[in-house]
Amino acid sequence: MAGRLRERLSRSDTLTDRPDFALVGVLRIPELQTSPARAIYRRVGYALVALGLAVLIVYLDRDGYEDSQGGELSLLDCIYYATVSLSTTGYGDITPVTQSARLLNVLLITPLRIFFLIVLVGTTLSALTESSRQTFKIQRWRQHVRNHTVVIGYGTKGRTAIDAMLGDDVPPSEIVVVDTDQSVLDSAAGKGLVTVHGSATKSDVLRLAGAQNAAAIIVATNRDDTAVLVTLTAREISPKAKIVAAIRESENTHLLRQSGADSVVVSSETAGRLLGIATTTPSVVEMMEDLLTPEAGFAIAERAVERDEIGGSPRHLSDIVLGVVRDGRLVRVGSAEVDSVEEDDRLLYIRRVAN
């Protein structure tokens, strides 16, 4: 069965074989949004800079120009000549007559004229080059993306996971969202997240999201069977990534583990436990929600051991330590194994979050 699955996945590897320009609309790299007024002001500023540079060139070499009236060129004449030249009007009443003036017109004034026209039609040009800019950004992103987090599914679980990461100061550019619903991907792109449109059960979609170079992969699909297949595909592509999967039924936990998930969260049972606790001790649920939300109050975090803490007991530190991560394994405080912290340990503790 695994062989047939691997064969089917290999046949579906088509996206990664496409050129970058063919990925526009599938892979979307967010960009900074500016208001139309600011864009217009910026383009007008570029045009004025080009005009000012042309005026300066003509004014410095004004002896090489001839006025139809026979007079010497003033600053106003230089502004007039630069304006009609850049706008390609060219009345011919002021013309370059010396070799140096004509050479400057060829080398400087003509490029400025072209740049000036491009700026004037910038809005149309921007629309025409949107696909080209996205192609360039896709090419650059695929070359440099490393150690990011891929989130499969942008439903309630996926959005909440991303909000938690953003609350922990993870840059949006280091998060990639994969989903089949374009409308939710548009919402993710609005937060500055990189998005990939396609089914994560296909290995080429995961490769397009950079799963092979990802540090972590979050599987937040709506169905447990889909989560199993996605996890199996992700583990085959990225043997070293940390895969965290969410499922609805606890009986499917062993399937996720066998598929390669490092951590499995049973969403329905977790919610059920909180509902049961809330009937008798609602304050406990309130505290749990406080610990799980990074906006204010308290939050569970992980940090390295400080130099002056080495050799000390984790129960006697200034922070409230819940556990010690040693050699990639979590050991709860109170165990004889972590009576004293070591240099390479990491502490799981409760930190205060400012409003």
Protein backbone atom coordinates (compact mmCIF):
# COMPACT_ATOMS: atom_id res chain seq x y z
CA MET A 1 0.00 0.00 0.00
CA ALA A 2 2.82 2.36 0.89
CA GLY A 3 4.45 1.60 -2.46
CA ARG A 4 1.27 2.44 -4.39
CA LEU A 5 0.86 5.64 -2.37
CA ARG A 6 4.44 6.68 -3.08
CA GLU A 7 3.95 5.93 -6.79
CA ARG A 8 0.77 8.00 -6.89
CA LEU A 9 2.45 10.88 -5.12
CA SER A 10 5.41 10.82 -7.49
CA ARG A 11 3.09 11.01 -10.50
CA SER A 12 1.46 14.12 -9.06
CA ASP A 13 4.74 16.05 -8.88
CA THR A 14 3.89 18.62 -11.54
CA LEU A 15 3.85 21.98 -9.76
CA THR A 16 7.53 21.92 -8.84
CA ASP A 17 8.42 21.24 -12.49
CA ARG A 18 6.65 24.36 -13.68
CA PRO A 19 8.58 27.60 -14.36
CA ASP A 20 8.16 30.33 -11.78
CA PHE A 21 5.85 32.44 -13.94
CA ALA A 22 3.41 29.49 -14.18
CA LEU A 23 3.08 29.47 -10.37
CA VAL A 24 1.50 32.92 -10.17
CA GLY A 25 -1.93 32.37 -8.63
CA VAL A 26 -0.87 29.11 -6.96
CA LEU A 27 1.95 30.48 -4.80
CA ARG A 28 1.31 33.99 -3.52
CA ILE A 29 3.95 36.13 -1.84
CA PRO A 30 2.49 39.02 0.20
CA GLU A 31 3.61 42.56 -0.45
CA LEU A 32 3.33 45.83 1.38
CA GLN A 33 0.10 47.64 0.59
CA THR A 34 0.17 51.39 -0.04
CA SER A 35 -2.71 53.80 -0.50
CA PRO A 36 -3.46 55.10 -4.04
CA ALA A 37 -2.73 58.66 -2.93
CA ARG A 38 0.70 57.69 -1.63
CA ALA A 39 1.46 55.81 -4.85
CA ILE A 40 0.47 58.85 -6.93
CA TYR A 41 2.56 61.19 -4.76
CA ARG A 42 5.55 58.87 -5.09
CA ARG A 43 5.27 58.74 -8.89
CA VAL A 44 4.87 62.51 -9.12
CA GLY A 45 7.97 62.83 -6.97
CA TYR A 46 9.93 60.57 -9.31
CA ALA A 47 8.77 62.65 -12.29
CA LEU A 48 9.85 65.89 -10.61
CA VAL A 49 13.25 64.41 -9.78
CA ALA A 50 13.72 63.40 -13.43
CA LEU A 51 12.64 66.85 -14.56
CA GLY A 52 14.98 68.56 -12.11
CA LEU A 53 17.91 66.41 -13.25
CA ALA A 54 17.19 67.28 -16.89
CA VAL A 55 17.02 70.98 -16.03
CA LEU A 56 20.36 70.76 -14.22
CA ILE A 57 22.02 69.01 -17.18
CA VAL A 58 20.76 71.59 -19.66
CA TYR A 59 21.60 74.55 -17.41
CA LEU A 60 25.19 73.39 -16.83
CA ASP A 61 25.68 73.05 -20.60
CA ARG A 62 23.48 75.99 -21.64
CA ASP A 63 26.23 77.42 -23.88
CA GLY A 64 25.79 74.42 -26.16
CA TYR A 65 22.16 75.31 -26.94
CA GLU A 66 20.75 77.82 -29.35
CA ASP A 67 17.57 79.82 -28.88
CA SER A 68 15.53 80.68 -31.99
CA GLN A 69 15.50 84.27 -30.76
CA GLY A 70 19.28 84.32 -30.51
CA GLY A 71 19.40 85.04 -26.78
CA GLU A 72 21.36 83.27 -24.07
CA LEU A 73 19.46 80.54 -22.21
CA SER A 74 18.19 81.51 -18.78
CA LEU A 75 17.16 79.14 -16.01
CA LEU A 76 13.54 79.52 -17.13
CA ASP A 77 14.57 78.62 -20.69
CA CYS A 78 16.30 75.48 -19.36
CA ILE A 79 13.16 74.50 -17.43
CA TYR A 80 11.06 75.12 -20.52
CA TYR A 81 13.34 73.05 -22.77
CA ALA A 82 13.53 70.17 -20.25
CA THR A 83 9.75 70.14 -19.86
CA VAL A 84 8.92 70.05 -23.58
CA SER A 85 11.70 67.52 -24.22
CA LEU A 86 10.67 65.06 -21.52
CA SER A 87 7.05 65.29 -22.59
CA THR A 88 8.18 64.62 -26.21
CA THR A 89 6.47 67.84 -27.36
CA GLY A 90 9.63 69.36 -28.85
CA TYR A 91 8.75 72.76 -30.36
CA GLY A 92 12.25 73.13 -31.80
CA ASP A 93 12.72 76.74 -30.62
CA ILE A 94 15.61 75.65 -28.38
CA THR A 95 17.99 73.05 -29.82
CA PRO A 96 21.42 71.62 -28.93
CA VAL A 97 23.99 72.78 -31.46
CA THR A 98 27.36 71.74 -30.06
CA GLN A 99 28.66 68.17 -30.10
CA SER A 100 28.81 67.96 -26.28
CA ALA A 101 25.23 69.16 -25.90
CA ARG A 102 23.98 66.65 -28.42
CA LEU A 103 25.95 63.85 -26.75
CA LEU A 104 24.40 64.73 -23.38
CA ASN A 105 20.97 64.67 -25.01
CA VAL A 106 21.61 61.18 -26.32
CA LEU A 107 23.13 59.78 -23.13
CA LEU A 108 21.11 61.59 -20.45
CA ILE A 109 18.10 63.53 -21.69
CA THR A 110 16.73 60.64 -23.79
CA PRO A 111 16.88 58.09 -20.91
CA LEU A 112 15.25 60.68 -18.65
CA ARG A 113 12.55 61.20 -21.26
CA ILE A 114 11.84 57.45 -21.30
CA PHE A 115 11.81 57.29 -17.50
CA PHE A 116 9.49 60.30 -17.35
CA LEU A 117 7.00 58.65 -19.69
CA ILE A 118 7.12 55.40 -17.71
CA VAL A 119 6.32 57.30 -14.52
CA LEU A 120 3.41 59.08 -16.21
CA VAL A 121 1.81 55.78 -17.21
CA GLY A 122 2.87 54.09 -13.96
CA THR A 123 -0.61 52.94 -13.01
CA THR A 124 -1.12 51.04 -16.25
CA LEU A 125 2.44 49.76 -16.17
CA SER A 126 1.98 48.53 -12.60
CA ALA A 127 -1.06 46.50 -13.62
CA LEU A 128 0.78 45.04 -16.60
CA THR A 129 3.85 44.08 -14.59
CA GLU A 130 2.03 42.59 -11.56
CA SER A 131 2.52 39.10 -12.93
CA SER A 132 6.22 39.77 -13.59
CA ARG A 133 6.77 41.11 -10.08
CA GLN A 134 5.04 38.10 -8.56
CA THR A 135 7.20 35.81 -10.71
CA PHE A 136 10.36 37.50 -9.46
CA LYS A 137 9.19 37.35 -5.85
CA ILE A 138 8.28 33.67 -6.18
CA GLN A 139 11.69 32.89 -7.64
CA ARG A 140 13.51 34.77 -4.88
CA TRP A 141 11.32 33.25 -2.13
CA ARG A 142 11.83 29.67 -3.33
CA GLN A 143 15.58 30.17 -3.35
CA HIS A 144 15.82 31.54 0.20
CA VAL A 145 12.99 29.98 2.22
CA ARG A 146 14.42 27.92 5.10
CA ASN A 147 13.39 26.90 8.65
CA HIS A 148 9.84 28.22 8.27
CA THR A 149 6.52 26.81 9.44
CA VAL A 150 4.00 25.27 7.05
CA VAL A 151 0.37 25.32 8.22
CA ILE A 152 -1.94 22.89 6.44
CA GLY A 153 -5.50 24.21 6.64
CA TYR A 154 -6.63 27.73 7.47
CA GLY A 155 -9.80 26.87 9.36
CA THR A 156 -10.44 27.62 13.01
CA LYS A 157 -7.53 25.47 14.22
CA GLY A 158 -5.10 26.76 11.62
CA ARG A 159 -5.96 30.40 12.21
CA THR A 160 -5.69 29.99 15.98
CA ALA A 161 -2.30 28.30 15.65
CA ILE A 162 -1.03 31.12 13.44
CA ASP A 163 -2.38 33.77 15.81
CA ALA A 164 -0.48 32.05 18.64
CA MET A 165 2.75 32.09 16.60
CA LEU A 166 2.28 35.73 15.64
CA GLY A 167 1.65 36.50 19.31
CA ASP A 168 5.01 34.89 20.07
CA ASP A 169 6.67 37.32 17.64
CA VAL A 170 7.11 34.86 14.75
CA PRO A 171 7.44 36.98 11.56
CA PRO A 172 4.53 36.47 9.11
CA SER A 173 7.05 35.89 6.32
CA GLU A 174 8.15 32.68 8.08
CA ILE A 175 4.66 31.13 7.92
CA VAL A 176 3.25 29.42 4.81
CA VAL A 177 -0.44 28.51 4.60
CA VAL A 178 -1.68 25.68 2.37
CA ASP A 179 -5.40 25.37 1.64
CA THR A 180 -7.80 24.53 -1.18
CA ASP A 181 -10.14 27.46 -0.48
CA GLN A 182 -8.98 30.61 -2.26
CA SER A 183 -11.16 32.87 -0.11
CA VAL A 184 -9.45 31.81 3.12
CA LEU A 185 -6.07 32.14 1.43
CA ASP A 186 -6.94 35.74 0.55
CA SER A 187 -7.64 36.31 4.23
CA ALA A 188 -4.28 34.77 5.15
CA ALA A 189 -2.47 36.88 2.55
CA GLY A 190 -4.04 39.96 4.13
CA LYS A 191 -2.06 39.14 7.29
CA GLY A 192 1.20 39.05 5.34
CA LEU A 193 1.40 35.25 5.13
CA VAL A 194 2.72 33.33 2.14
CA THR A 195 -0.05 31.16 0.69
CA VAL A 196 -0.15 28.09 -1.56
CA HIS A 197 -3.38 27.03 -3.25
CA GLY A 198 -3.74 23.26 -3.51
CA SER A 199 -4.29 20.01 -1.66
CA ALA A 200 -1.56 19.15 0.86
CA THR A 201 -2.15 15.44 0.18
CA LYS A 202 -0.11 15.99 -3.00
CA SER A 203 3.62 16.04 -2.47
CA ASP A 204 4.26 18.66 -5.14
CA VAL A 205 2.03 21.15 -3.28
CA LEU A 206 4.00 20.57 -0.08
CA ARG A 207 7.28 20.94 -1.94
CA LEU A 208 6.02 24.19 -3.42
CA ALA A 209 5.36 25.37 0.16
CA GLY A 210 8.98 24.50 1.01
CA ALA A 211 8.06 21.62 3.33
CA GLN A 212 11.37 19.91 2.53
CA ASN A 213 13.20 22.84 4.18
CA ALA A 214 10.64 23.62 6.91
CA ALA A 215 11.42 23.55 10.62
CA ALA A 216 7.83 22.68 11.57
CA ILE A 217 4.64 21.52 9.84
CA ILE A 218 1.23 22.01 11.45
CA VAL A 219 -1.54 19.74 10.15
CA ALA A 220 -4.89 21.39 10.93
CA THR A 221 -7.25 19.72 8.47
CA ASN A 222 -10.98 19.18 9.06
CA ARG A 223 -10.89 15.37 8.67
CA ASP A 224 -8.81 12.80 10.50
CA ASP A 225 -8.23 10.65 7.41
CA THR A 226 -6.96 13.69 5.54
CA ALA A 227 -4.67 14.51 8.46
CA VAL A 228 -3.19 11.00 8.31
CA LEU A 229 -2.49 11.22 4.57
CA VAL A 230 -1.06 14.74 4.84
CA THR A 231 1.19 13.70 7.73
CA LEU A 232 2.43 10.67 5.81
CA THR A 233 3.18 12.81 2.77
CA ALA A 234 4.86 15.54 4.83
CA ARG A 235 7.06 13.05 6.69
CA GLU A 236 8.20 11.47 3.44
CA ILE A 237 9.20 14.88 2.07
CA SER A 238 10.70 16.28 5.27
CA PRO A 239 12.22 13.63 7.56
CA LYS A 240 13.64 16.19 10.01
CA ALA A 241 10.75 18.65 10.38
CA LYS A 242 8.68 18.70 13.56
CA ILE A 243 5.15 17.67 12.58
CA VAL A 244 2.23 18.61 14.85
CA ALA A 245 -1.21 17.31 13.90
CA ALA A 246 -4.71 17.97 15.22
CA ILE A 247 -7.42 15.30 15.06
CA ARG A 248 -10.99 14.93 16.30
CA GLU A 249 -11.00 11.35 17.61
CA SER A 250 -8.40 9.96 20.03
CA GLU A 251 -8.64 6.49 18.45
CA ASN A 252 -6.79 7.88 15.43
CA THR A 253 -3.82 9.05 17.50
CA HIS A 254 -1.76 5.93 16.81
CA LEU A 255 -2.34 6.36 13.06
CA LEU A 256 -0.90 9.88 13.20
CA ARG A 257 2.05 8.63 15.25
CA GLN A 258 2.74 5.85 12.77
CA SER A 259 2.46 8.33 9.90
CA GLY A 260 5.25 10.41 11.40
CA ALA A 261 3.62 13.03 13.65
CA ASP A 262 5.79 14.18 16.57
CA SER A 263 2.84 15.58 18.51
CA VAL A 264 -0.88 14.87 18.24
CA VAL A 265 -3.57 17.13 19.69
CA VAL A 266 -7.05 15.67 20.13
CA SER A 267 -9.20 18.76 19.73
CA SER A 268 -12.57 17.24 20.68
CA GLU A 269 -11.32 15.59 23.88
CA THR A 270 -9.38 18.67 24.94
CA ALA A 271 -12.48 20.82 24.52
CA GLY A 272 -14.57 18.19 26.31
CA ARG A 273 -12.25 18.16 29.31
CA LEU A 274 -12.41 21.93 29.59
CA LEU A 275 -16.21 21.82 29.38
CA GLY A 276 -16.34 19.23 32.14
CA ILE A 277 -13.98 21.18 34.39
CA ALA A 278 -15.94 24.38 33.79
CA THR A 279 -19.04 22.90 35.42
CA THR A 280 -17.30 22.62 38.79
CA THR A 281 -14.25 24.91 38.71
CA PRO A 282 -14.72 27.55 36.00
CA SER A 283 -11.79 29.56 37.34
CA VAL A 284 -9.47 26.71 36.30
CA VAL A 285 -10.73 26.96 32.73
CA GLU A 286 -10.28 30.71 32.82
CA MET A 287 -6.66 30.27 33.90
CA MET A 288 -6.06 27.66 31.21
CA GLU A 289 -7.38 30.03 28.56
CA ASP A 290 -5.16 32.75 29.97
CA LEU A 291 -2.10 30.49 29.67
CA LEU A 292 -2.96 29.54 26.10
CA THR A 293 -3.57 33.07 24.81
CA PRO A 294 -0.49 35.26 24.28
CA GLU A 295 -2.24 38.63 24.29
CA ALA A 296 -2.20 39.42 28.04
CA GLY A 297 -1.95 37.91 31.49
CA PHE A 298 0.20 34.77 31.59
CA ALA A 299 1.54 32.48 28.88
CA ILE A 300 3.49 29.24 28.71
CA ALA A 301 6.86 29.79 27.07
CA GLU A 302 10.22 28.09 26.60
CA ARG A 303 13.66 29.57 27.10
CA ALA A 304 17.30 28.58 27.44
CA VAL A 305 19.01 28.17 30.80
CA GLU A 306 20.92 31.26 31.93
CA ARG A 307 24.51 30.94 33.04
CA ASP A 308 23.85 31.68 36.72
CA GLU A 309 21.05 29.07 36.78
CA ILE A 310 23.23 26.09 35.82
CA GLY A 311 23.33 23.54 38.62
CA GLY A 312 20.37 25.03 40.45
CA SER A 313 17.02 23.40 41.09
CA PRO A 314 14.28 24.31 38.58
CA ARG A 315 11.87 24.68 41.52
CA HIS A 316 13.91 27.50 43.03
CA LEU A 317 14.28 29.77 40.02
CA SER A 318 12.68 33.20 39.72
CA ASP A 319 10.30 31.90 37.05
CA ILE A 320 7.62 29.27 37.68
CA VAL A 321 9.11 26.31 35.81
CA LEU A 322 6.72 23.53 34.70
CA GLY A 323 9.19 21.23 33.00
CA VAL A 324 12.69 20.81 31.60
CA VAL A 325 13.39 19.84 27.98
CA ARG A 326 16.51 17.69 28.00
CA ASP A 327 17.82 15.90 24.90
CA GLY A 328 14.55 16.67 23.13
CA ARG A 329 12.45 15.03 25.87
CA LEU A 330 10.16 16.84 28.32
CA VAL A 331 10.72 16.00 32.00
CA ARG A 332 8.28 17.45 34.52
CA VAL A 333 9.54 19.38 37.52
CA GLY A 334 9.67 17.15 40.59
CA SER A 335 11.36 14.26 38.81
CA ALA A 336 14.71 13.19 40.26
CA GLU A 337 16.12 13.37 36.75
CA VAL A 338 15.97 17.18 36.77
CA ASP A 339 16.94 18.01 40.35
CA SER A 340 19.44 20.43 38.80
CA VAL A 341 19.38 22.13 35.42
CA GLU A 342 22.17 21.70 32.89
CA GLU A 343 23.65 24.10 30.35
CA ASP A 344 21.92 22.59 27.29
CA ASP A 345 18.49 22.31 28.95
CA ARG A 346 15.51 24.42 28.00
CA LEU A 347 12.96 25.53 30.57
CA LEU A 348 9.20 25.40 30.09
CA TYR A 349 7.92 28.20 32.31
CA ILE A 350 5.10 30.66 32.89
CA ARG A 351 5.83 34.21 31.81
CA ARG A 352 3.85 37.39 32.30
CA VAL A 353 2.56 39.05 29.15
CA ALA A 354 2.13 42.81 29.06
CA ASN A 355 -1.18 44.19 27.76
